[in-house]
All heavy atoms as atom14 arrays in JSON, in Angstrom:
{
  "sequence": "DRVCVCAGEPAVSGNLQGPFSMENGMNLFLKDLGITFRRDTESH",
  "atom14_mask": [
    [1, 1, 1, 1, 1, 1, 1, 1, 0, 0, 0, 0, 0, 0],
    [1, 1, 1, 1, 1, 1, 1, 1, 1, 1, 1, 0, 0, 0],
    [1, 1, 1, 1, 1, 1, 1, 0, 0, 0, 0, 0, 0, 0],
    [1, 1, 1, 1, 1, 1, 0, 0, 0, 0, 0, 0, 0, 0],
    [1, 1, 1, 1, 1, 1, 1, 0, 0, 0, 0, 0, 0, 0],
    [1, 1, 1, 1, 1, 1, 0, 0, 0, 0, 0, 0, 0, 0],
    [1, 1, 1, 1, 1, 0, 0, 0, 0, 0, 0, 0, 0, 0],
    [1, 1, 1, 1, 0, 0, 0, 0, 0, 0, 0, 0, 0, 0],
    [1, 1, 1, 1, 1, 1, 1, 1, 1, 0, 0, 0, 0, 0],
    [1, 1, 1, 1, 1, 1, 1, 0, 0, 0, 0, 0, 0, 0],
    [1, 1, 1, 1, 1, 0, 0, 0, 0, 0, 0, 0, 0, 0],
    [1, 1, 1, 1, 1, 1, 1, 0, 0, 0, 0, 0, 0, 0],
    [1, 1, 1, 1, 1, 1, 0, 0, 0, 0, 0, 0, 0, 0],
    [1, 1, 1, 1, 0, 0, 0, 0, 0, 0, 0, 0, 0, 0],
    [1, 1, 1, 1, 1, 1, 1, 1, 0, 0, 0, 0, 0, 0],
    [1, 1, 1, 1, 1, 1, 1, 1, 0, 0, 0, 0, 0, 0],
    [1, 1, 1, 1, 1, 1, 1, 1, 1, 0, 0, 0, 0, 0],
    [1, 1, 1, 1, 0, 0, 0, 0, 0, 0, 0, 0, 0, 0],
    [1, 1, 1, 1, 1, 1, 1, 0, 0, 0, 0, 0, 0, 0],
    [1, 1, 1, 1, 1, 1, 1, 1, 1, 1, 1, 0, 0, 0],
    [1, 1, 1, 1, 1, 1, 0, 0, 0, 0, 0, 0, 0, 0],
    [1, 1, 1, 1, 1, 1, 1, 1, 0, 0, 0, 0, 0, 0],
    [1, 1, 1, 1, 1, 1, 1, 1, 1, 0, 0, 0, 0, 0],
    [1, 1, 1, 1, 1, 1, 1, 1, 0, 0, 0, 0, 0, 0],
    [1, 1, 1, 1, 0, 0, 0, 0, 0, 0, 0, 0, 0, 0],
    [1, 1, 1, 1, 1, 1, 1, 1, 0, 0, 0, 0, 0, 0],
    [1, 1, 1, 1, 1, 1, 1, 1, 0, 0, 0, 0, 0, 0],
    [1, 1, 1, 1, 1, 1, 1, 1, 0, 0, 0, 0, 0, 0],
    [1, 1, 1, 1, 1, 1, 1, 1, 1, 1, 1, 0, 0, 0],
    [1, 1, 1, 1, 1, 1, 1, 1, 0, 0, 0, 0, 0, 0],
    [1, 1, 1, 1, 1, 1, 1, 1, 1, 0, 0, 0, 0, 0],
    [1, 1, 1, 1, 1, 1, 1, 1, 0, 0, 0, 0, 0, 0],
    [1, 1, 1, 1, 1, 1, 1, 1, 0, 0, 0, 0, 0, 0],
    [1, 1, 1, 1, 0, 0, 0, 0, 0, 0, 0, 0, 0, 0],
    [1, 1, 1, 1, 1, 1, 1, 1, 0, 0, 0, 0, 0, 0],
    [1, 1, 1, 1, 1, 1, 1, 0, 0, 0, 0, 0, 0, 0],
    [1, 1, 1, 1, 1, 1, 1, 1, 1, 1, 1, 0, 0, 0],
    [1, 1, 1, 1, 1, 1, 1, 1, 1, 1, 1, 0, 0, 0],
    [1, 1, 1, 1, 1, 1, 1, 1, 1, 1, 1, 0, 0, 0],
    [1, 1, 1, 1, 1, 1, 1, 1, 0, 0, 0, 0, 0, 0],
    [1, 1, 1, 1, 1, 1, 1, 0, 0, 0, 0, 0, 0, 0],
    [1, 1, 1, 1, 1, 1, 1, 1, 1, 0, 0, 0, 0, 0],
    [1, 1, 1, 1, 1, 1, 0, 0, 0, 0, 0, 0, 0, 0],
    [1, 1, 1, 1, 1, 1, 1, 1, 1, 1, 0, 0, 0, 0]
  ],
  "atom14_positions": [
    [[15.89, -0.38, 7.67], [16.15, 1.05, 7.69], [16.48, 1.55, 6.28], [16.55, 2.74, 6.03], [17.26, 1.42, 8.67], [18.57, 0.71, 8.4], [18.66, -0.06, 7.44], [19.51, 0.92, 9.18], [0.0, 0.0, 0.0], [0.0, 0.0, 0.0], [0.0, 0.0, 0.0], [0.0, 0.0, 0.0], [0.0, 0.0, 0.0], [0.0, 0.0, 0.0]],
    [[16.65, 0.62, 5.33], [16.88, 0.94, 3.92], [16.13, -0.09, 3.09], [15.97, -1.23, 3.5], [18.36, 0.93, 3.57], [19.12, 1.97, 4.42], [20.56, 2.15, 4.04], [20.83, 2.61, 2.69], [20.64, 3.85, 2.25], [20.14, 4.77, 3.04], [20.96, 4.18, 1.02], [0.0, 0.0, 0.0], [0.0, 0.0, 0.0], [0.0, 0.0, 0.0]],
    [[15.67, 0.31, 1.89], [14.95, -0.61, 1.01], [15.4, -0.43, -0.44], [15.88, 0.62, -0.83], [13.41, -0.4, 1.07], [12.86, -0.74, 2.43], [13.0, 1.0, 0.67], [0.0, 0.0, 0.0], [0.0, 0.0, 0.0], [0.0, 0.0, 0.0], [0.0, 0.0, 0.0], [0.0, 0.0, 0.0], [0.0, 0.0, 0.0], [0.0, 0.0, 0.0]],
    [[15.22, -1.49, -1.2], [15.36, -1.47, -2.65], [13.96, -1.63, -3.22], [13.11, -2.3, -2.63], [16.25, -2.6, -3.15], [17.98, -2.41, -2.69], [0.0, 0.0, 0.0], [0.0, 0.0, 0.0], [0.0, 0.0, 0.0], [0.0, 0.0, 0.0], [0.0, 0.0, 0.0], [0.0, 0.0, 0.0], [0.0, 0.0, 0.0], [0.0, 0.0, 0.0]],
    [[13.71, -1.03, -4.37], [12.39, -1.1, -4.99], [12.52, -1.81, -6.33], [13.35, -1.44, -7.16], [11.8, 0.32, -5.19], [10.45, 0.25, -5.88], [11.67, 1.04, -3.85], [0.0, 0.0, 0.0], [0.0, 0.0, 0.0], [0.0, 0.0, 0.0], [0.0, 0.0, 0.0], [0.0, 0.0, 0.0], [0.0, 0.0, 0.0], [0.0, 0.0, 0.0]],
    [[11.7, -2.85, -6.51], [11.66, -3.59, -7.77], [10.45, -3.1, -8.55], [9.35, -2.99, -8.01], [11.52, -5.08, -7.52], [12.89, -5.78, -6.6], [0.0, 0.0, 0.0], [0.0, 0.0, 0.0], [0.0, 0.0, 0.0], [0.0, 0.0, 0.0], [0.0, 0.0, 0.0], [0.0, 0.0, 0.0], [0.0, 0.0, 0.0], [0.0, 0.0, 0.0]],
    [[10.65, -2.82, -9.82], [9.56, -2.37, -10.68], [9.65, -3.11, -12.01], [10.69, -3.66, -12.35], [9.66, -0.86, -10.9], [0.0, 0.0, 0.0], [0.0, 0.0, 0.0], [0.0, 0.0, 0.0], [0.0, 0.0, 0.0], [0.0, 0.0, 0.0], [0.0, 0.0, 0.0], [0.0, 0.0, 0.0], [0.0, 0.0, 0.0], [0.0, 0.0, 0.0]],
    [[8.57, -3.14, -12.73], [8.55, -3.77, -14.04], [7.32, -4.62, -14.23], [6.34, -4.51, -13.48], [0.0, 0.0, 0.0], [0.0, 0.0, 0.0], [0.0, 0.0, 0.0], [0.0, 0.0, 0.0], [0.0, 0.0, 0.0], [0.0, 0.0, 0.0], [0.0, 0.0, 0.0], [0.0, 0.0, 0.0], [0.0, 0.0, 0.0], [0.0, 0.0, 0.0]],
    [[7.39, -5.51, -15.2], [6.28, -6.41, -15.49], [6.68, -7.82, -15.04], [7.68, -8.36, -15.53], [5.99, -6.39, -16.99], [4.75, -7.15, -17.38], [4.43, -7.02, -18.85], [4.98, -6.13, -19.54], [3.63, -7.84, -19.33], [0.0, 0.0, 0.0], [0.0, 0.0, 0.0], [0.0, 0.0, 0.0], [0.0, 0.0, 0.0], [0.0, 0.0, 0.0]],
    [[5.91, -8.41, -14.1], [6.27, -9.73, -13.58], [6.52, -10.77, -14.68], [5.76, -10.85, -15.65], [5.06, -10.11, -12.72], [4.45, -8.8, -12.33], [4.67, -7.9, -13.5], [0.0, 0.0, 0.0], [0.0, 0.0, 0.0], [0.0, 0.0, 0.0], [0.0, 0.0, 0.0], [0.0, 0.0, 0.0], [0.0, 0.0, 0.0], [0.0, 0.0, 0.0]],
    [[7.58, -11.51, -14.54], [8.0, -12.6, -15.44], [8.38, -12.1, -16.84], [8.59, -12.91, -17.74], [6.93, -13.67, -15.53], [0.0, 0.0, 0.0], [0.0, 0.0, 0.0], [0.0, 0.0, 0.0], [0.0, 0.0, 0.0], [0.0, 0.0, 0.0], [0.0, 0.0, 0.0], [0.0, 0.0, 0.0], [0.0, 0.0, 0.0], [0.0, 0.0, 0.0]],
    [[8.46, -10.78, -17.03], [8.83, -10.24, -18.34], [10.11, -9.41, -18.22], [11.11, -9.71, -18.85], [7.69, -9.4, -18.95], [8.13, -8.77, -20.26], [6.45, -10.24, -19.15], [0.0, 0.0, 0.0], [0.0, 0.0, 0.0], [0.0, 0.0, 0.0], [0.0, 0.0, 0.0], [0.0, 0.0, 0.0], [0.0, 0.0, 0.0], [0.0, 0.0, 0.0]],
    [[10.06, -8.35, -17.42], [11.24, -7.51, -17.24], [11.15, -6.83, -15.88], [10.06, -6.66, -15.33], [11.33, -6.45, -18.34], [10.25, -5.54, -18.24], [0.0, 0.0, 0.0], [0.0, 0.0, 0.0], [0.0, 0.0, 0.0], [0.0, 0.0, 0.0], [0.0, 0.0, 0.0], [0.0, 0.0, 0.0], [0.0, 0.0, 0.0], [0.0, 0.0, 0.0]],
    [[12.29, -6.47, -15.36], [12.31, -5.82, -14.06], [13.47, -4.85, -13.93], [14.43, -4.89, -14.69], [0.0, 0.0, 0.0], [0.0, 0.0, 0.0], [0.0, 0.0, 0.0], [0.0, 0.0, 0.0], [0.0, 0.0, 0.0], [0.0, 0.0, 0.0], [0.0, 0.0, 0.0], [0.0, 0.0, 0.0], [0.0, 0.0, 0.0], [0.0, 0.0, 0.0]],
    [[13.34, -3.99, -12.93], [14.36, -2.98, -12.66], [14.48, -2.84, -11.15], [13.49, -2.64, -10.46], [13.93, -1.65, -13.29], [14.94, -0.56, -13.07], [16.14, -0.81, -13.03], [14.47, 0.65, -12.91], [0.0, 0.0, 0.0], [0.0, 0.0, 0.0], [0.0, 0.0, 0.0], [0.0, 0.0, 0.0], [0.0, 0.0, 0.0], [0.0, 0.0, 0.0]],
    [[15.68, -2.97, -10.64], [15.94, -2.81, -9.22], [16.52, -1.43, -8.98], [17.51, -1.05, -9.62], [16.9, -3.88, -8.71], [17.26, -3.82, -7.24], [16.03, -4.15, -6.39], [18.39, -4.78, -6.93], [0.0, 0.0, 0.0], [0.0, 0.0, 0.0], [0.0, 0.0, 0.0], [0.0, 0.0, 0.0], [0.0, 0.0, 0.0], [0.0, 0.0, 0.0]],
    [[15.9, -0.66, -8.08], [16.37, 0.68, -7.75], [16.74, 0.74, -6.28], [16.08, 0.14, -5.45], [15.28, 1.71, -8.05], [14.88, 1.76, -9.51], [13.68, 2.64, -9.7], [12.6, 2.32, -9.25], [13.88, 3.75, -10.39], [0.0, 0.0, 0.0], [0.0, 0.0, 0.0], [0.0, 0.0, 0.0], [0.0, 0.0, 0.0], [0.0, 0.0, 0.0]],
    [[17.76, 1.5, -5.96], [18.13, 1.68, -4.56], [19.52, 1.16, -4.3], [20.26, 0.85, -5.23], [0.0, 0.0, 0.0], [0.0, 0.0, 0.0], [0.0, 0.0, 0.0], [0.0, 0.0, 0.0], [0.0, 0.0, 0.0], [0.0, 0.0, 0.0], [0.0, 0.0, 0.0], [0.0, 0.0, 0.0], [0.0, 0.0, 0.0], [0.0, 0.0, 0.0]],
    [[19.88, 1.05, -3.04], [19.02, 1.18, -1.86], [18.69, 2.64, -1.53], [19.44, 3.55, -1.86], [19.85, 0.56, -0.74], [21.27, 0.71, -1.17], [21.25, 0.67, -2.68], [0.0, 0.0, 0.0], [0.0, 0.0, 0.0], [0.0, 0.0, 0.0], [0.0, 0.0, 0.0], [0.0, 0.0, 0.0], [0.0, 0.0, 0.0], [0.0, 0.0, 0.0]],
    [[17.53, 2.8, -0.92], [17.01, 4.09, -0.49], [16.78, 4.08, 1.02], [16.62, 3.01, 1.62], [15.65, 4.37, -1.14], [15.64, 4.44, -2.63], [15.14, 3.4, -3.37], [16.12, 5.56, -3.28], [15.1, 3.46, -4.75], [16.09, 5.63, -4.67], [15.58, 4.58, -5.41], [0.0, 0.0, 0.0], [0.0, 0.0, 0.0], [0.0, 0.0, 0.0]],
    [[16.68, 5.26, 1.6], [16.16, 5.34, 2.97], [14.74, 4.81, 2.93], [14.1, 4.77, 1.86], [16.17, 6.79, 3.45], [15.23, 7.56, 2.71], [0.0, 0.0, 0.0], [0.0, 0.0, 0.0], [0.0, 0.0, 0.0], [0.0, 0.0, 0.0], [0.0, 0.0, 0.0], [0.0, 0.0, 0.0], [0.0, 0.0, 0.0], [0.0, 0.0, 0.0]],
    [[14.2, 4.4, 4.06], [12.82, 3.89, 4.1], [11.86, 4.92, 3.51], [10.99, 4.59, 2.71], [12.4, 3.53, 5.52], [12.95, 2.22, 6.02], [12.33, 0.8, 5.11], [10.63, 0.75, 5.67], [0.0, 0.0, 0.0], [0.0, 0.0, 0.0], [0.0, 0.0, 0.0], [0.0, 0.0, 0.0], [0.0, 0.0, 0.0], [0.0, 0.0, 0.0]],
    [[12.01, 6.18, 3.9], [11.09, 7.23, 3.44], [11.14, 7.37, 1.91], [10.1, 7.35, 1.25], [11.43, 8.56, 4.1], [10.51, 9.68, 3.67], [10.84, 11.01, 4.33], [11.75, 11.07, 5.18], [10.18, 12.0, 3.97], [0.0, 0.0, 0.0], [0.0, 0.0, 0.0], [0.0, 0.0, 0.0], [0.0, 0.0, 0.0], [0.0, 0.0, 0.0]],
    [[12.32, 7.5, 1.36], [12.43, 7.69, -0.09], [12.01, 6.45, -0.87], [11.31, 6.55, -1.88], [13.86, 8.1, -0.47], [14.2, 9.48, 0.01], [13.34, 10.31, 0.25], [15.49, 9.74, 0.16], [0.0, 0.0, 0.0], [0.0, 0.0, 0.0], [0.0, 0.0, 0.0], [0.0, 0.0, 0.0], [0.0, 0.0, 0.0], [0.0, 0.0, 0.0]],
    [[12.43, 5.28, -0.41], [12.07, 4.04, -1.1], [10.58, 3.75, -1.05], [9.97, 3.36, -2.05], [0.0, 0.0, 0.0], [0.0, 0.0, 0.0], [0.0, 0.0, 0.0], [0.0, 0.0, 0.0], [0.0, 0.0, 0.0], [0.0, 0.0, 0.0], [0.0, 0.0, 0.0], [0.0, 0.0, 0.0], [0.0, 0.0, 0.0], [0.0, 0.0, 0.0]],
    [[9.97, 3.95, 0.13], [8.54, 3.69, 0.25], [7.73, 4.72, -0.51], [6.69, 4.39, -1.08], [8.14, 3.64, 1.72], [8.63, 2.4, 2.44], [8.03, 0.86, 1.74], [6.3, 0.95, 2.17], [0.0, 0.0, 0.0], [0.0, 0.0, 0.0], [0.0, 0.0, 0.0], [0.0, 0.0, 0.0], [0.0, 0.0, 0.0], [0.0, 0.0, 0.0]],
    [[8.18, 5.98, -0.55], [7.48, 6.98, -1.36], [7.48, 6.58, -2.83], [6.46, 6.69, -3.52], [8.09, 8.37, -1.18], [7.56, 9.09, 0.02], [6.39, 8.98, 0.37], [8.42, 9.83, 0.68], [0.0, 0.0, 0.0], [0.0, 0.0, 0.0], [0.0, 0.0, 0.0], [0.0, 0.0, 0.0], [0.0, 0.0, 0.0], [0.0, 0.0, 0.0]],
    [[8.61, 6.08, -3.34], [8.7, 5.63, -4.73], [7.77, 4.44, -4.96], [7.01, 4.4, -5.93], [10.14, 5.25, -5.05], [10.43, 4.72, -6.44], [10.16, 5.8, -7.49], [11.87, 4.24, -6.52], [0.0, 0.0, 0.0], [0.0, 0.0, 0.0], [0.0, 0.0, 0.0], [0.0, 0.0, 0.0], [0.0, 0.0, 0.0], [0.0, 0.0, 0.0]],
    [[7.8, 3.47, -4.06], [6.97, 2.27, -4.18], [5.48, 2.61, -4.11], [4.69, 2.17, -4.94], [7.35, 1.29, -3.06], [6.51, 0.06, -2.99], [6.56, -0.89, -3.99], [5.65, -0.15, -1.92], [5.79, -2.04, -3.93], [4.87, -1.28, -1.84], [4.95, -2.23, -2.85], [0.0, 0.0, 0.0], [0.0, 0.0, 0.0], [0.0, 0.0, 0.0]],
    [[5.09, 3.41, -3.13], [3.67, 3.75, -2.94], [3.14, 4.64, -4.07], [1.96, 4.56, -4.41], [3.45, 4.41, -1.58], [3.71, 3.5, -0.38], [3.64, 4.29, 0.92], [2.76, 2.32, -0.35], [0.0, 0.0, 0.0], [0.0, 0.0, 0.0], [0.0, 0.0, 0.0], [0.0, 0.0, 0.0], [0.0, 0.0, 0.0], [0.0, 0.0, 0.0]],
    [[4.01, 5.47, -4.65], [3.58, 6.31, -5.77], [3.13, 5.43, -6.93], [2.12, 5.71, -7.58], [4.71, 7.25, -6.2], [4.32, 8.17, -7.32], [5.45, 9.12, -7.67], [5.01, 10.07, -8.76], [6.1, 10.98, -9.13], [0.0, 0.0, 0.0], [0.0, 0.0, 0.0], [0.0, 0.0, 0.0], [0.0, 0.0, 0.0], [0.0, 0.0, 0.0]],
    [[3.87, 4.36, -7.19], [3.52, 3.43, -8.26], [2.18, 2.75, -7.98], [1.41, 2.49, -8.9], [4.62, 2.38, -8.42], [4.41, 1.48, -9.63], [4.13, 2.02, -10.72], [4.53, 0.26, -9.49], [0.0, 0.0, 0.0], [0.0, 0.0, 0.0], [0.0, 0.0, 0.0], [0.0, 0.0, 0.0], [0.0, 0.0, 0.0], [0.0, 0.0, 0.0]],
    [[1.88, 2.5, -6.72], [0.61, 1.86, -6.34], [-0.54, 2.86, -6.21], [-1.7, 2.48, -6.21], [0.76, 1.13, -5.0], [1.73, -0.04, -4.97], [1.82, -0.61, -3.56], [1.33, -1.11, -5.96], [0.0, 0.0, 0.0], [0.0, 0.0, 0.0], [0.0, 0.0, 0.0], [0.0, 0.0, 0.0], [0.0, 0.0, 0.0], [0.0, 0.0, 0.0]],
    [[-0.2, 4.15, -6.05], [-1.23, 5.18, -5.9], [-1.89, 5.2, -4.54], [-3.04, 5.61, -4.41], [0.0, 0.0, 0.0], [0.0, 0.0, 0.0], [0.0, 0.0, 0.0], [0.0, 0.0, 0.0], [0.0, 0.0, 0.0], [0.0, 0.0, 0.0], [0.0, 0.0, 0.0], [0.0, 0.0, 0.0], [0.0, 0.0, 0.0], [0.0, 0.0, 0.0]],
    [[-1.16, 4.75, -3.5], [-1.72, 4.73, -2.14], [-0.8, 5.47, -1.18], [0.35, 5.75, -1.49], [-1.98, 3.3, -1.64], [-0.69, 2.47, -1.58], [-3.02, 2.61, -2.51], [-0.87, 1.08, -1.0], [0.0, 0.0, 0.0], [0.0, 0.0, 0.0], [0.0, 0.0, 0.0], [0.0, 0.0, 0.0], [0.0, 0.0, 0.0], [0.0, 0.0, 0.0]],
    [[-1.34, 5.76, 0.01], [-0.56, 6.43, 1.06], [-0.67, 5.63, 2.35], [-1.64, 4.9, 2.57], [-1.06, 7.86, 1.31], [-2.44, 7.83, 1.66], [-0.86, 8.73, 0.08], [0.0, 0.0, 0.0], [0.0, 0.0, 0.0], [0.0, 0.0, 0.0], [0.0, 0.0, 0.0], [0.0, 0.0, 0.0], [0.0, 0.0, 0.0], [0.0, 0.0, 0.0]],
    [[0.33, 5.77, 3.2], [0.36, 5.1, 4.49], [0.57, 6.11, 5.6], [1.27, 7.11, 5.42], [1.53, 4.09, 4.54], [1.15, 2.71, 4.11], [0.88, 2.44, 2.79], [1.07, 1.68, 5.02], [0.54, 1.17, 2.37], [0.73, 0.41, 4.62], [0.46, 0.14, 3.3], [0.0, 0.0, 0.0], [0.0, 0.0, 0.0], [0.0, 0.0, 0.0]],
    [[-0.04, 5.85, 6.74], [0.14, 6.65, 7.95], [0.54, 5.71, 9.06], [0.42, 4.5, 8.94], [-1.15, 7.37, 8.31], [-2.24, 6.41, 8.8], [-3.56, 7.09, 9.07], [-4.51, 6.2, 9.67], [-5.15, 5.21, 9.08], [-4.94, 4.95, 7.8], [-6.01, 4.45, 9.73], [0.0, 0.0, 0.0], [0.0, 0.0, 0.0], [0.0, 0.0, 0.0]],
    [[1.01, 6.27, 10.17], [1.3, 5.44, 11.35], [0.12, 5.57, 12.3], [-0.29, 6.67, 12.65], [2.59, 5.88, 12.02], [2.9, 4.95, 13.19], [4.27, 4.99, 13.75], [5.4, 4.89, 12.89], [6.0, 3.75, 12.54], [5.51, 2.6, 12.88], [7.09, 3.79, 11.81], [0.0, 0.0, 0.0], [0.0, 0.0, 0.0], [0.0, 0.0, 0.0]],
    [[-0.44, 4.43, 12.71], [-1.55, 4.41, 13.66], [-1.09, 5.0, 14.98], [-0.02, 4.65, 15.48], [-2.04, 2.97, 13.86], [-3.26, 2.89, 14.73], [-3.09, 2.78, 15.97], [-4.37, 2.96, 14.2], [0.0, 0.0, 0.0], [0.0, 0.0, 0.0], [0.0, 0.0, 0.0], [0.0, 0.0, 0.0], [0.0, 0.0, 0.0], [0.0, 0.0, 0.0]],
    [[-1.87, 5.91, 15.54], [-1.46, 6.61, 16.77], [-1.41, 5.71, 17.99], [-0.63, 5.96, 18.9], [-2.39, 7.8, 17.05], [-3.73, 7.34, 17.11], [-2.26, 8.86, 15.97], [0.0, 0.0, 0.0], [0.0, 0.0, 0.0], [0.0, 0.0, 0.0], [0.0, 0.0, 0.0], [0.0, 0.0, 0.0], [0.0, 0.0, 0.0], [0.0, 0.0, 0.0]],
    [[-2.21, 4.65, 18.03], [-2.22, 3.76, 19.2], [-1.23, 2.6, 19.07], [-0.45, 2.35, 19.98], [-3.64, 3.23, 19.43], [-4.59, 4.31, 19.91], [-5.98, 3.76, 20.17], [-6.13, 2.54, 20.39], [-6.93, 4.56, 20.14], [0.0, 0.0, 0.0], [0.0, 0.0, 0.0], [0.0, 0.0, 0.0], [0.0, 0.0, 0.0], [0.0, 0.0, 0.0]],
    [[-1.28, 1.89, 17.94], [-0.43, 0.7, 17.79], [0.91, 1.01, 17.13], [1.81, 0.19, 17.16], [-1.16, -0.35, 16.94], [-1.3, 0.1, 15.6], [0.0, 0.0, 0.0], [0.0, 0.0, 0.0], [0.0, 0.0, 0.0], [0.0, 0.0, 0.0], [0.0, 0.0, 0.0], [0.0, 0.0, 0.0], [0.0, 0.0, 0.0], [0.0, 0.0, 0.0]],
    [[1.03, 2.19, 16.51], [2.23, 2.62, 15.79], [2.51, 1.76, 14.57], [3.61, 1.78, 14.04], [3.45, 2.67, 16.71], [3.25, 3.56, 17.89], [3.2, 4.93, 17.79], [3.03, 3.27, 19.2], [2.98, 5.44, 18.98], [2.87, 4.46, 19.85], [0.0, 0.0, 0.0], [0.0, 0.0, 0.0], [0.0, 0.0, 0.0], [0.0, 0.0, 0.0]]
  ]
}
């Protein structure tokens, strides 16, 4: 129900942000990836 987001360059440097609500944390994470997610209407 809450997430932390790790960002940075693997094995070089990193930054831990959060904890965030799922919505805010996932929005931050997905923005970095440039993708979006939806909930499937049948399987959820």
